[in-house]
Amino acid sequence: MKAPGFSLKGVDGATHTLDSVKGAKATIIVFSCNHCPYVMKAEDELVAVFHHYRPLGVGMAAINSNNADAYPEDSFENMVARAAEKKFPFVYLRDASQMAAKAYGATHTPQIFVFDRDLKLAYTGAVAGLRDALDDLVASRPVRVPETHAIGCTIKWK
């Protein structure tokens, strides 16, 4: 799978695209949200991963596709507050139409999609397999474990 493009509003007020978050060696797209306990548990690791791998040519974006009408904790305003509280070094994007989640085939939060330098899917699944996949891509090796089971909350569809 080639990474689907997107154009989404970030908590910084700017519109971000796949090209604007792409890394030279790899790109992480993580489907996330504010209210899921699995996401909350993974946030510090995601921040640490990005701090470690960004200088090695890895780009990253977190995307919240949850239905904010049914889950007000996932509203854009609450996303802004969460990103500031956790000091996210990556962009945190709102997918209000849920089109990005559908294009990626995302089903859970957190769910990781890692793409290689050509934006071909190299890894998908749980946060636990992320560092191994990135180590392989940064070293220009094939990813040894390209898929794991994403453990978390389901995306809250409209």
Protein backbone atom coordinates (compact mmCIF):
# COMPACT_ATOMS: atom_id res chain seq x y z
CA MET A 1 0.00 0.00 0.00
CA LYS A 2 1.18 3.50 -0.83
CA ALA A 3 0.50 6.12 1.85
CA PRO A 4 -2.77 7.90 1.08
CA GLY A 5 -2.49 11.67 0.89
CA PHE A 6 -4.32 13.96 3.28
CA SER A 7 -4.81 17.63 4.07
CA LEU A 8 -5.84 18.07 7.70
CA LYS A 9 -5.93 20.85 10.28
CA GLY A 10 -3.37 20.54 13.05
CA VAL A 11 -3.61 21.66 16.65
CA ASP A 12 -1.15 24.40 15.64
CA GLY A 13 -3.88 25.91 13.42
CA ALA A 14 -2.03 25.06 10.19
CA THR A 15 -3.08 22.62 7.50
CA HIS A 16 -0.71 19.67 7.11
CA THR A 17 -0.33 17.21 4.25
CA LEU A 18 1.42 13.90 3.85
CA ASP A 19 4.24 15.72 2.03
CA SER A 20 4.67 18.19 4.89
CA VAL A 21 5.14 15.44 7.50
CA LYS A 22 7.12 12.98 5.35
CA GLY A 23 10.56 11.94 6.56
CA ALA A 24 13.58 11.26 4.34
CA LYS A 25 13.92 7.66 5.59
CA ALA A 26 10.49 6.81 7.05
CA THR A 27 7.12 8.31 7.93
CA ILE A 28 4.97 7.35 10.89
CA ILE A 29 1.22 7.91 10.76
CA VAL A 30 -0.45 7.01 14.04
CA PHE A 31 -4.20 7.01 14.47
CA SER A 32 -4.77 8.39 17.92
CA CYS A 33 -7.30 10.19 20.11
CA ASN A 34 -7.58 11.79 23.53
CA HIS A 35 -9.83 9.47 25.52
CA CYS A 36 -8.54 5.93 24.87
CA PRO A 37 -6.55 4.51 27.83
CA TYR A 38 -4.31 2.57 25.40
CA VAL A 39 -3.39 5.83 23.65
CA MET A 40 -2.74 7.56 26.98
CA LYS A 41 -0.40 4.73 27.95
CA ALA A 42 1.46 4.99 24.60
CA GLU A 43 1.82 8.79 24.37
CA ASP A 44 5.12 9.07 26.26
CA GLU A 45 6.63 6.32 24.09
CA LEU A 46 5.43 8.02 20.90
CA VAL A 47 7.00 11.30 22.03
CA ALA A 48 10.27 9.50 22.89
CA VAL A 49 10.28 7.63 19.56
CA PHE A 50 9.89 10.84 17.60
CA HIS A 51 12.58 12.67 19.57
CA HIS A 52 14.96 9.75 18.93
CA TYR A 53 14.18 9.10 15.26
CA ARG A 54 13.45 12.58 13.89
CA PRO A 55 17.19 13.39 13.58
CA LEU A 56 17.58 10.10 11.68
CA GLY A 57 15.13 11.18 8.94
CA VAL A 58 11.78 10.04 10.34
CA GLY A 59 8.64 12.18 10.00
CA MET A 60 5.47 11.70 12.00
CA ALA A 61 1.86 12.75 12.36
CA ALA A 62 -0.85 11.66 14.77
CA ILE A 63 -4.40 11.73 13.40
CA ASN A 64 -7.60 11.78 15.47
CA SER A 65 -10.54 10.50 13.41
CA ASN A 66 -12.97 9.82 16.26
CA ASN A 67 -16.53 11.12 16.20
CA ALA A 68 -16.22 14.14 18.50
CA ASP A 69 -20.02 14.55 18.68
CA ALA A 70 -20.28 11.21 20.50
CA TYR A 71 -16.90 11.58 22.24
CA PRO A 72 -16.46 15.26 23.20
CA GLU A 73 -13.06 14.48 24.77
CA ASP A 74 -11.84 14.07 21.17
CA SER A 75 -12.94 17.55 20.05
CA PHE A 76 -10.41 19.79 18.31
CA GLU A 77 -10.26 22.10 21.38
CA ASN A 78 -9.44 19.14 23.63
CA MET A 79 -6.83 17.94 21.11
CA VAL A 80 -5.12 21.36 21.36
CA ALA A 81 -5.08 21.08 25.16
CA ARG A 82 -3.79 17.48 25.12
CA ALA A 83 -0.98 18.25 22.67
CA ALA A 84 0.13 21.20 24.83
CA GLU A 85 -0.07 19.19 28.06
CA LYS A 86 1.96 16.28 26.64
CA LYS A 87 4.27 18.57 24.61
CA PHE A 88 3.78 16.61 21.38
CA PRO A 89 6.80 17.22 19.12
CA PHE A 90 4.84 15.85 16.13
CA VAL A 91 1.78 17.31 14.45
CA TYR A 92 -1.61 16.24 15.84
CA LEU A 93 -4.28 16.39 13.16
CA ARG A 94 -8.10 16.36 13.16
CA ASP A 95 -9.79 14.06 10.63
CA ALA A 96 -13.36 15.29 11.20
CA SER A 97 -14.60 13.70 7.94
CA GLN A 98 -13.00 10.36 8.88
CA MET A 99 -11.75 10.10 5.28
CA ALA A 100 -8.10 9.65 6.32
CA ALA A 101 -8.95 6.76 8.65
CA LYS A 102 -10.96 5.09 5.89
CA ALA A 103 -8.19 5.64 3.31
CA TYR A 104 -5.59 4.04 5.61
CA GLY A 105 -7.88 1.25 6.74
CA ALA A 106 -7.40 2.28 10.36
CA THR A 107 -9.56 0.51 12.91
CA HIS A 108 -7.98 1.23 16.32
CA THR A 109 -6.28 3.84 18.46
CA PRO A 110 -3.37 3.72 18.73
CA GLN A 111 -2.67 2.11 15.36
CA ILE A 112 0.69 2.65 13.69
CA PHE A 113 1.42 2.85 9.97
CA VAL A 114 5.09 3.21 9.01
CA PHE A 115 6.03 3.98 5.43
CA ASP A 116 9.46 3.74 3.83
CA ARG A 117 11.22 6.55 1.97
CA ASP A 118 9.05 5.82 -1.10
CA LEU A 119 5.88 5.98 1.06
CA LYS A 120 5.24 2.25 0.72
CA LEU A 121 3.79 0.57 3.80
CA ALA A 122 6.59 -1.12 5.73
CA TYR A 123 4.96 -1.74 9.12
CA THR A 124 1.49 -1.64 10.61
CA GLY A 125 0.20 -2.56 14.02
CA ALA A 126 1.04 -1.92 17.66
CA VAL A 127 3.27 0.72 19.20
CA ALA A 128 5.41 -2.12 20.62
CA GLY A 129 6.82 -3.00 17.17
CA LEU A 130 7.56 0.58 16.12
CA ARG A 131 11.21 0.93 17.19
CA ASP A 132 12.25 -2.34 15.53
CA ALA A 133 10.59 -1.28 12.27
CA LEU A 134 12.23 2.15 12.38
CA ASP A 135 15.66 0.65 13.17
CA ASP A 136 15.34 -1.49 10.05
CA LEU A 137 14.20 1.37 7.81
CA VAL A 138 16.83 3.82 9.06
CA ALA A 139 19.48 1.16 8.34
CA SER A 140 17.96 0.59 4.86
CA ARG A 141 17.02 -3.00 5.76
CA PRO A 142 13.69 -4.72 5.06
CA VAL A 143 11.43 -4.59 8.11
CA ARG A 144 11.73 -7.97 9.83
CA VAL A 145 8.22 -7.92 11.38
CA PRO A 146 5.99 -5.94 9.00
CA GLU A 147 2.73 -6.47 10.87
CA THR A 148 1.55 -6.88 14.45
CA HIS A 149 -1.90 -6.66 16.00
CA ALA A 150 -2.91 -3.11 16.97
CA ILE A 151 -4.20 -3.21 20.53
CA GLY A 152 -6.44 -0.37 21.64
CA CYS A 153 -9.84 1.21 21.37
CA THR A 154 -11.82 1.04 18.15
CA ILE A 155 -12.16 4.19 16.09
CA LYS A 156 -15.48 5.82 16.95
CA TRP A 157 -17.26 6.11 13.60
CA LYS A 158 -20.09 8.52 12.83
